[in-house]
Amino acid sequence: MATDCIAQVTFNFDPKRKPVVARFDVPYASSDGGAILLKGIDTQLGLTKRLTTCLQDERQPGKIQHQTLELFRQRVFGIACGYADCNDAARLADDAIHKLLVDRDPIAGPALASQPTLSRFENAVGWRELLAMGHGLADTVIEHHRRRLKAGACESYAGCSERV
């Protein structure tokens, strides 16, 4: 049974901004478009940047093609999109959405890291770095909730003139 395909969908999230247009008839299409929302949240919280500061980069500077933040984001967003291990790295290396997630040009930007590079990156992390990352994650959550609760408390009192 044949179905009609929708070539384009437009989302008007905010009337003051340009609409988001999803097209399904382009050569650089990706099935992981929802990860853009995760990238937006990460940008607001600064979570991947914060957690990356916990990692020691022991690589030789002259041989580095992929920065630590890029590798970290590639793995985090890959896992969030359902790619539990690094086996899909070759298939995703030129995926437009995944390049965008690590702040590369989705079309002209260089390919993402390979499976061996990602595996070396993961295996280089020790328990001390993981512990520091756990603390960084907890601190981010606590800071976010403090700001949220402070703003909520400020709104509930008529005499409050300070906005956080």
N, C-alpha and C. Protein backbone atom coordinates (compact mmCIF):
# COMPACT_ATOMS: atom_id res chain seq x y z
N MET A 1 0.83 -1.18 0.00
CA MET A 1 0.00 0.00 0.00
C MET A 1 0.88 1.24 0.00
N ALA A 2 0.68 2.12 -0.94
CA ALA A 2 1.47 3.35 -1.06
C ALA A 2 0.96 4.40 -0.07
N THR A 3 1.90 5.19 0.44
CA THR A 3 1.53 6.27 1.34
C THR A 3 2.02 7.59 0.77
N ASP A 4 1.34 8.66 1.12
CA ASP A 4 1.78 9.98 0.72
C ASP A 4 2.87 10.43 1.67
N CYS A 5 3.97 10.89 1.11
CA CYS A 5 5.08 11.37 1.92
C CYS A 5 5.00 12.88 2.07
N ILE A 6 5.27 13.34 3.27
CA ILE A 6 5.29 14.77 3.55
C ILE A 6 6.72 15.23 3.33
N ALA A 7 6.93 16.12 2.39
CA ALA A 7 8.28 16.57 2.06
C ALA A 7 8.82 17.63 3.02
N GLN A 8 7.92 18.34 3.72
CA GLN A 8 8.36 19.43 4.58
C GLN A 8 7.35 19.69 5.69
N VAL A 9 7.86 19.98 6.88
CA VAL A 9 7.02 20.35 8.02
C VAL A 9 7.63 21.60 8.64
N THR A 10 6.77 22.58 8.97
CA THR A 10 7.24 23.82 9.57
C THR A 10 6.74 23.92 11.01
N PHE A 11 7.66 24.26 11.92
CA PHE A 11 7.33 24.42 13.33
C PHE A 11 7.50 25.89 13.70
N ASN A 12 6.48 26.50 14.25
CA ASN A 12 6.54 27.88 14.71
C ASN A 12 6.56 27.89 16.24
N PHE A 13 7.74 27.65 16.82
CA PHE A 13 7.87 27.59 18.26
C PHE A 13 7.69 28.95 18.91
N ASP A 14 8.23 29.98 18.27
CA ASP A 14 8.19 31.32 18.83
C ASP A 14 7.84 32.28 17.71
N PRO A 15 6.73 33.01 17.84
CA PRO A 15 6.31 33.89 16.75
C PRO A 15 7.30 35.02 16.45
N LYS A 16 8.19 35.33 17.39
CA LYS A 16 9.17 36.40 17.19
C LYS A 16 10.41 35.92 16.43
N ARG A 17 10.55 34.63 16.30
CA ARG A 17 11.74 34.07 15.64
C ARG A 17 11.34 33.38 14.34
N LYS A 18 12.35 33.04 13.58
CA LYS A 18 12.10 32.32 12.33
C LYS A 18 11.59 30.91 12.65
N PRO A 19 10.72 30.38 11.80
CA PRO A 19 10.24 29.02 12.03
C PRO A 19 11.33 27.98 11.73
N VAL A 20 11.20 26.83 12.36
CA VAL A 20 12.10 25.71 12.09
C VAL A 20 11.43 24.87 11.01
N VAL A 21 12.16 24.64 9.92
CA VAL A 21 11.61 23.88 8.79
C VAL A 21 12.34 22.55 8.71
N ALA A 22 11.58 21.46 8.77
CA ALA A 22 12.13 20.11 8.62
C ALA A 22 11.78 19.61 7.23
N ARG A 23 12.82 19.35 6.43
CA ARG A 23 12.60 18.84 5.08
C ARG A 23 13.09 17.41 5.01
N PHE A 24 12.36 16.59 4.29
CA PHE A 24 12.68 15.17 4.23
C PHE A 24 13.09 14.72 2.83
N ASP A 25 13.38 15.69 1.95
CA ASP A 25 13.75 15.35 0.58
C ASP A 25 15.12 15.91 0.21
N VAL A 26 15.99 16.05 1.20
CA VAL A 26 17.32 16.61 0.95
C VAL A 26 18.37 15.51 1.07
N PRO A 27 19.50 15.65 0.40
CA PRO A 27 20.50 14.59 0.42
C PRO A 27 21.21 14.41 1.76
N TYR A 28 21.23 15.45 2.60
CA TYR A 28 21.94 15.36 3.88
C TYR A 28 20.98 15.16 5.04
N ALA A 29 19.92 14.42 4.83
CA ALA A 29 18.92 14.21 5.88
C ALA A 29 19.46 13.31 6.98
N SER A 30 18.92 13.47 8.18
CA SER A 30 19.31 12.66 9.33
C SER A 30 18.06 12.30 10.10
N SER A 31 18.08 11.14 10.71
CA SER A 31 16.93 10.72 11.51
C SER A 31 17.06 11.15 12.97
N ASP A 32 18.12 11.88 13.29
CA ASP A 32 18.38 12.28 14.67
C ASP A 32 18.15 13.76 14.92
N GLY A 33 17.19 14.35 14.24
CA GLY A 33 16.93 15.79 14.36
C GLY A 33 16.51 16.23 15.74
N GLY A 34 15.89 15.35 16.51
CA GLY A 34 15.46 15.69 17.86
C GLY A 34 16.63 16.01 18.79
N ALA A 35 17.82 15.58 18.43
CA ALA A 35 18.99 15.85 19.26
C ALA A 35 19.33 17.34 19.29
N ILE A 36 18.79 18.11 18.35
CA ILE A 36 19.01 19.55 18.35
C ILE A 36 18.44 20.17 19.63
N LEU A 37 17.32 19.61 20.10
CA LEU A 37 16.73 20.09 21.36
C LEU A 37 17.68 19.81 22.54
N LEU A 38 18.32 18.64 22.53
CA LEU A 38 19.28 18.32 23.57
C LEU A 38 20.48 19.27 23.52
N LYS A 39 20.90 19.60 22.31
CA LYS A 39 22.01 20.54 22.14
C LYS A 39 21.64 21.91 22.71
N GLY A 40 20.39 22.33 22.51
CA GLY A 40 19.93 23.60 23.06
C GLY A 40 19.96 23.61 24.58
N ILE A 41 19.53 22.53 25.19
CA ILE A 41 19.56 22.42 26.65
C ILE A 41 21.01 22.41 27.14
N ASP A 42 21.87 21.67 26.43
CA ASP A 42 23.27 21.62 26.81
C ASP A 42 23.91 23.00 26.71
N THR A 43 23.55 23.75 25.70
CA THR A 43 24.09 25.10 25.54
C THR A 43 23.65 25.99 26.71
N GLN A 44 22.37 25.88 27.10
CA GLN A 44 21.87 26.66 28.23
C GLN A 44 22.57 26.30 29.53
N LEU A 45 22.72 25.02 29.79
CA LEU A 45 23.32 24.57 31.05
C LEU A 45 24.85 24.60 31.04
N GLY A 46 25.44 24.51 29.85
CA GLY A 46 26.90 24.43 29.75
C GLY A 46 27.44 23.14 30.31
N LEU A 47 26.63 22.09 30.26
CA LEU A 47 26.98 20.84 30.92
C LEU A 47 28.18 20.13 30.29
N THR A 48 28.16 19.92 28.98
CA THR A 48 29.28 19.19 28.37
C THR A 48 30.59 19.99 28.49
N LYS A 49 30.51 21.30 28.41
CA LYS A 49 31.72 22.12 28.60
C LYS A 49 32.26 21.94 30.01
N ARG A 50 31.36 21.97 30.97
CA ARG A 50 31.77 21.83 32.37
C ARG A 50 32.38 20.46 32.63
N LEU A 51 31.74 19.42 32.12
CA LEU A 51 32.24 18.06 32.38
C LEU A 51 33.55 17.80 31.66
N THR A 52 33.75 18.42 30.52
CA THR A 52 34.99 18.23 29.77
C THR A 52 36.19 18.80 30.51
N THR A 53 35.96 19.81 31.34
CA THR A 53 37.08 20.38 32.11
C THR A 53 37.65 19.39 33.12
N CYS A 54 36.91 18.33 33.40
CA CYS A 54 37.37 17.30 34.34
C CYS A 54 38.33 16.30 33.68
N LEU A 55 38.42 16.35 32.36
CA LEU A 55 39.22 15.37 31.62
C LEU A 55 40.62 15.90 31.32
N GLN A 56 41.61 15.06 31.51
CA GLN A 56 42.99 15.39 31.17
C GLN A 56 43.25 14.92 29.74
N ASP A 57 43.77 15.80 28.90
CA ASP A 57 44.10 15.42 27.53
C ASP A 57 45.59 15.16 27.44
N GLU A 58 45.95 13.89 27.40
CA GLU A 58 47.35 13.48 27.40
C GLU A 58 47.91 13.31 25.98
N ARG A 59 47.14 13.65 24.96
CA ARG A 59 47.57 13.44 23.58
C ARG A 59 48.63 14.46 23.16
N GLN A 60 49.40 14.11 22.13
CA GLN A 60 50.41 15.02 21.59
C GLN A 60 49.71 16.11 20.80
N PRO A 61 49.90 17.38 21.16
CA PRO A 61 49.17 18.48 20.53
C PRO A 61 49.25 18.52 19.01
N GLY A 62 50.36 18.16 18.42
CA GLY A 62 50.52 18.21 16.97
C GLY A 62 49.74 17.15 16.23
N LYS A 63 49.26 16.14 16.93
CA LYS A 63 48.55 15.04 16.28
C LYS A 63 47.04 15.06 16.53
N ILE A 64 46.54 16.10 17.19
CA ILE A 64 45.12 16.16 17.55
C ILE A 64 44.29 16.67 16.38
N GLN A 65 43.30 15.88 15.96
CA GLN A 65 42.34 16.28 14.93
C GLN A 65 40.98 16.63 15.54
N HIS A 66 40.68 16.03 16.67
CA HIS A 66 39.37 16.21 17.32
C HIS A 66 39.61 16.68 18.74
N GLN A 67 39.08 17.84 19.09
CA GLN A 67 39.23 18.38 20.43
C GLN A 67 38.47 17.53 21.44
N THR A 68 38.87 17.59 22.69
CA THR A 68 38.24 16.80 23.75
C THR A 68 36.74 17.10 23.84
N LEU A 69 36.37 18.36 23.76
CA LEU A 69 34.95 18.72 23.83
C LEU A 69 34.17 18.10 22.68
N GLU A 70 34.74 18.06 21.49
CA GLU A 70 34.07 17.44 20.34
C GLU A 70 33.89 15.94 20.55
N LEU A 71 34.93 15.28 21.03
CA LEU A 71 34.84 13.83 21.28
C LEU A 71 33.79 13.54 22.36
N PHE A 72 33.81 14.34 23.41
CA PHE A 72 32.86 14.14 24.50
C PHE A 72 31.42 14.33 24.01
N ARG A 73 31.20 15.42 23.28
CA ARG A 73 29.85 15.66 22.75
C ARG A 73 29.43 14.59 21.75
N GLN A 74 30.36 14.14 20.93
CA GLN A 74 30.02 13.09 19.97
C GLN A 74 29.52 11.84 20.69
N ARG A 75 30.18 11.47 21.78
CA ARG A 75 29.75 10.28 22.53
C ARG A 75 28.46 10.54 23.30
N VAL A 76 28.35 11.67 23.98
CA VAL A 76 27.16 11.96 24.78
C VAL A 76 25.91 12.02 23.90
N PHE A 77 25.99 12.79 22.81
CA PHE A 77 24.83 12.92 21.94
C PHE A 77 24.57 11.63 21.16
N GLY A 78 25.64 10.89 20.85
CA GLY A 78 25.46 9.59 20.20
C GLY A 78 24.70 8.62 21.09
N ILE A 79 25.08 8.58 22.36
CA ILE A 79 24.38 7.72 23.31
C ILE A 79 22.93 8.16 23.47
N ALA A 80 22.71 9.47 23.55
CA ALA A 80 21.35 10.00 23.68
C ALA A 80 20.49 9.64 22.47
N CYS A 81 21.11 9.49 21.31
CA CYS A 81 20.37 9.14 20.09
C CYS A 81 20.22 7.63 19.91
N GLY A 82 20.73 6.86 20.85
CA GLY A 82 20.55 5.42 20.80
C GLY A 82 21.73 4.63 20.27
N TYR A 83 22.87 5.27 20.10
CA TYR A 83 24.07 4.58 19.62
C TYR A 83 24.93 4.26 20.84
N ALA A 84 24.66 3.13 21.46
CA ALA A 84 25.24 2.79 22.76
C ALA A 84 26.75 2.58 22.72
N ASP A 85 27.27 2.10 21.61
CA ASP A 85 28.72 1.91 21.53
C ASP A 85 29.25 2.72 20.35
N CYS A 86 30.52 2.55 20.05
CA CYS A 86 31.16 3.37 19.01
C CYS A 86 31.08 2.73 17.62
N ASN A 87 30.40 1.60 17.49
CA ASN A 87 30.36 0.89 16.22
C ASN A 87 29.74 1.70 15.08
N ASP A 88 28.87 2.64 15.39
CA ASP A 88 28.20 3.44 14.37
C ASP A 88 28.98 4.69 13.99
N ALA A 89 30.16 4.87 14.53
CA ALA A 89 30.92 6.10 14.29
C ALA A 89 31.21 6.32 12.81
N ALA A 90 31.54 5.27 12.08
CA ALA A 90 31.84 5.43 10.64
C ALA A 90 30.60 5.89 9.88
N ARG A 91 29.45 5.34 10.20
CA ARG A 91 28.21 5.72 9.53
C ARG A 91 27.79 7.14 9.89
N LEU A 92 28.08 7.57 11.12
CA LEU A 92 27.67 8.90 11.59
C LEU A 92 28.72 9.98 11.36
N ALA A 93 29.89 9.61 10.86
CA ALA A 93 30.99 10.56 10.72
C ALA A 93 30.63 11.76 9.85
N ASP A 94 29.78 11.57 8.85
CA ASP A 94 29.38 12.67 7.98
C ASP A 94 27.91 13.04 8.13
N ASP A 95 27.26 12.58 9.20
CA ASP A 95 25.86 12.91 9.45
C ASP A 95 25.75 14.40 9.80
N ALA A 96 24.89 15.09 9.07
CA ALA A 96 24.77 16.55 9.22
C ALA A 96 24.36 16.95 10.64
N ILE A 97 23.41 16.25 11.23
CA ILE A 97 22.96 16.59 12.58
C ILE A 97 24.06 16.35 13.60
N HIS A 98 24.74 15.24 13.50
CA HIS A 98 25.79 14.93 14.47
C HIS A 98 26.96 15.90 14.36
N LYS A 99 27.26 16.36 13.15
CA LYS A 99 28.29 17.40 13.01
C LYS A 99 27.83 18.69 13.67
N LEU A 100 26.58 19.03 13.49
CA LEU A 100 26.02 20.24 14.09
C LEU A 100 26.08 20.16 15.62
N LEU A 101 25.87 18.98 16.17
CA LEU A 101 25.89 18.79 17.61
C LEU A 101 27.25 19.08 18.23
N VAL A 102 28.32 18.91 17.45
CA VAL A 102 29.66 19.18 17.97
C VAL A 102 30.20 20.51 17.43
N ASP A 103 29.29 21.37 16.96
CA ASP A 103 29.62 22.71 16.48
C ASP A 103 30.49 22.72 15.23
N ARG A 104 30.26 21.76 14.34
CA ARG A 104 30.92 21.76 13.03
C ARG A 104 29.89 22.12 11.97
N ASP A 105 30.38 22.64 10.86
CA ASP A 105 29.49 22.92 9.74
C ASP A 105 28.87 21.60 9.29
N PRO A 106 27.53 21.52 9.22
CA PRO A 106 26.90 20.23 8.92
C PRO A 106 27.18 19.68 7.52
N ILE A 107 27.52 20.54 6.58
CA ILE A 107 27.77 20.08 5.22
C ILE A 107 29.26 20.08 4.90
N ALA A 108 29.93 21.21 5.09
CA ALA A 108 31.33 21.35 4.70
C ALA A 108 32.31 21.00 5.81
N GLY A 109 31.84 20.82 7.03
CA GLY A 109 32.74 20.54 8.15
C GLY A 109 33.41 19.18 8.03
N PRO A 110 34.57 19.04 8.66
CA PRO A 110 35.28 17.76 8.60
C PRO A 110 34.50 16.65 9.29
N ALA A 111 34.81 15.43 8.91
CA ALA A 111 34.14 14.26 9.46
C ALA A 111 34.40 14.14 10.96
N LEU A 112 33.49 13.49 11.64
CA LEU A 112 33.64 13.26 13.08
C LEU A 112 34.65 12.15 13.34
N ALA A 113 34.94 11.92 14.59
CA ALA A 113 35.94 10.94 14.99
C ALA A 113 35.52 9.52 14.62
N SER A 114 36.53 8.69 14.37
CA SER A 114 36.29 7.29 14.02
C SER A 114 36.06 6.45 15.27
N GLN A 115 35.66 5.21 15.05
CA GLN A 115 35.43 4.29 16.17
C GLN A 115 36.70 4.07 17.00
N PRO A 116 37.87 3.84 16.39
CA PRO A 116 39.08 3.67 17.21
C PRO A 116 39.41 4.90 18.05
N THR A 117 39.23 6.10 17.47
CA THR A 117 39.51 7.33 18.21
C THR A 117 38.58 7.46 19.40
N LEU A 118 37.28 7.20 19.18
CA LEU A 118 36.31 7.28 20.28
C LEU A 118 36.59 6.22 21.35
N SER A 119 36.98 5.03 20.94
CA SER A 119 37.28 3.97 21.92
C SER A 119 38.50 4.34 22.75
N ARG A 120 39.54 4.89 22.12
CA ARG A 120 40.73 5.34 22.89
C ARG A 120 40.34 6.45 23.85
N PHE A 121 39.49 7.36 23.40
CA PHE A 121 39.02 8.46 24.25
C PHE A 121 38.31 7.92 25.48
N GLU A 122 37.38 6.98 25.28
CA GLU A 122 36.63 6.41 26.40
C GLU A 122 37.54 5.66 27.36
N ASN A 123 38.49 4.89 26.82
CA ASN A 123 39.35 4.07 27.66
C ASN A 123 40.41 4.88 28.40
N ALA A 124 40.64 6.12 28.00
CA ALA A 124 41.63 6.97 28.66
C ALA A 124 41.11 7.60 29.94
N VAL A 125 39.80 7.52 30.16
CA VAL A 125 39.19 8.16 31.34
C VAL A 125 39.27 7.21 32.53
N GLY A 126 39.79 7.73 33.62
CA GLY A 126 39.94 6.93 34.84
C GLY A 126 38.89 7.28 35.89
N TRP A 127 38.98 6.61 37.02
CA TRP A 127 37.97 6.79 38.07
C TRP A 127 37.99 8.19 38.65
N ARG A 128 39.17 8.82 38.73
CA ARG A 128 39.25 10.18 39.28
C ARG A 128 38.48 11.17 38.41
N GLU A 129 38.64 11.03 37.08
CA GLU A 129 37.91 11.91 36.17
C GLU A 129 36.41 11.65 36.25
N LEU A 130 36.03 10.39 36.36
CA LEU A 130 34.60 10.05 36.47
C LEU A 130 34.00 10.62 37.76
N LEU A 131 34.76 10.55 38.84
CA LEU A 131 34.29 11.11 40.11
C LEU A 131 34.11 12.62 39.99
N ALA A 132 35.10 13.29 39.38
CA ALA A 132 35.01 14.74 39.20
C ALA A 132 33.83 15.11 38.30
N MET A 133 33.58 14.30 37.28
CA MET A 133 32.44 14.55 36.40
C MET A 133 31.12 14.36 37.14
N GLY A 134 31.06 13.39 38.02
CA GLY A 134 29.86 13.19 38.84
C GLY A 134 29.58 14.39 39.71
N HIS A 135 30.64 14.94 40.30
CA HIS A 135 30.48 16.15 41.12
C HIS A 135 30.06 17.34 40.25
N GLY A 136 30.64 17.44 39.06
CA GLY A 136 30.27 18.52 38.14
C GLY A 136 28.81 18.43 37.72
N LEU A 137 28.34 17.22 37.46
CA LEU A 137 26.94 17.02 37.10
C LEU A 137 26.03 17.41 38.26
N ALA A 138 26.37 16.96 39.46
CA ALA A 138 25.56 17.30 40.64
C ALA A 138 25.55 18.81 40.87
N ASP A 139 26.69 19.46 40.74
CA ASP A 139 26.76 20.91 40.92
C ASP A 139 25.89 21.64 39.90
N THR A 140 25.89 21.17 38.66
CA THR A 140 25.08 21.80 37.61
C THR A 140 23.59 21.68 37.94
N VAL A 141 23.17 20.51 38.37
CA VAL A 141 21.76 20.30 38.72
C VAL A 141 21.37 21.18 39.91
N ILE A 142 22.20 21.21 40.92
CA ILE A 142 21.91 22.01 42.12
C ILE A 142 21.85 23.50 41.77
N GLU A 143 22.81 23.99 40.98
CA GLU A 143 22.80 25.40 40.58
C GLU A 143 21.54 25.74 39.78
N HIS A 144 21.16 24.86 38.87
CA HIS A 144 19.97 25.10 38.06
C HIS A 144 18.73 25.20 38.95
N HIS A 145 18.59 24.30 39.90
CA HIS A 145 17.42 24.32 40.78
C HIS A 145 17.45 25.51 41.74
N ARG A 146 18.62 25.91 42.19
CA ARG A 146 18.70 27.10 43.04
C ARG A 146 18.22 28.32 42.30
N ARG A 147 18.68 28.49 41.05
CA ARG A 147 18.22 29.64 40.24
C ARG A 147 16.72 29.57 40.01
N ARG A 148 16.22 28.39 39.71
CA ARG A 148 14.79 28.22 39.46
C ARG A 148 13.96 28.52 40.70
N LEU A 149 14.39 28.01 41.84
CA LEU A 149 13.65 28.23 43.08
C LEU A 149 13.75 29.68 43.55
N LYS A 150 14.90 30.29 43.36
CA LYS A 150 15.08 31.68 43.74
C LYS A 150 14.18 32.57 42.88
N ALA A 151 14.11 32.30 41.59
CA ALA A 151 13.25 33.07 40.70
C ALA A 151 11.79 32.86 41.06
N GLY A 152 11.41 31.63 41.40
CA GLY A 152 10.03 31.34 41.79
C GLY A 152 9.66 32.01 43.09
N ALA A 153 10.59 32.02 44.06
CA ALA A 153 10.33 32.67 45.34
C ALA A 153 10.21 34.17 45.14
N CYS A 154 11.02 34.71 44.25
CA CYS A 154 10.99 36.15 43.99
C CYS A 154 9.65 36.56 43.39
N GLU A 155 9.11 35.73 42.49
CA GLU A 155 7.84 36.04 41.86
C GLU A 155 6.66 35.92 42.83
N SER A 156 6.83 35.07 43.85
CA SER A 156 5.68 34.85 44.77
C SER A 156 5.55 35.93 45.82
N TYR A 157 6.58 36.74 46.01
CA TYR A 157 6.49 37.82 46.99
C TYR A 157 6.34 39.16 46.28
N ALA A 158 5.33 39.92 46.65
CA ALA A 158 5.05 41.20 45.99
C ALA A 158 6.15 42.22 46.24
N GLY A 159 6.83 42.13 47.37
CA GLY A 159 7.85 43.12 47.71
C GLY A 159 9.22 42.83 47.13
N CYS A 160 9.36 41.76 46.41
CA CYS A 160 10.66 41.39 45.87
C CYS A 160 10.95 42.18 44.60
N SER A 161 12.06 42.88 44.57
CA SER A 161 12.40 43.68 43.39
C SER A 161 13.56 43.08 42.60
N GLU A 162 14.15 42.02 43.12
CA GLU A 162 15.31 41.43 42.46
C GLU A 162 14.90 40.20 41.66
N ARG A 163 15.33 40.14 40.41
CA ARG A 163 15.10 38.97 39.55
C ARG A 163 16.43 38.24 39.37
N VAL A 164 16.40 36.95 39.49
CA VAL A 164 17.61 36.14 39.28
C VAL A 164 17.51 35.44 37.98
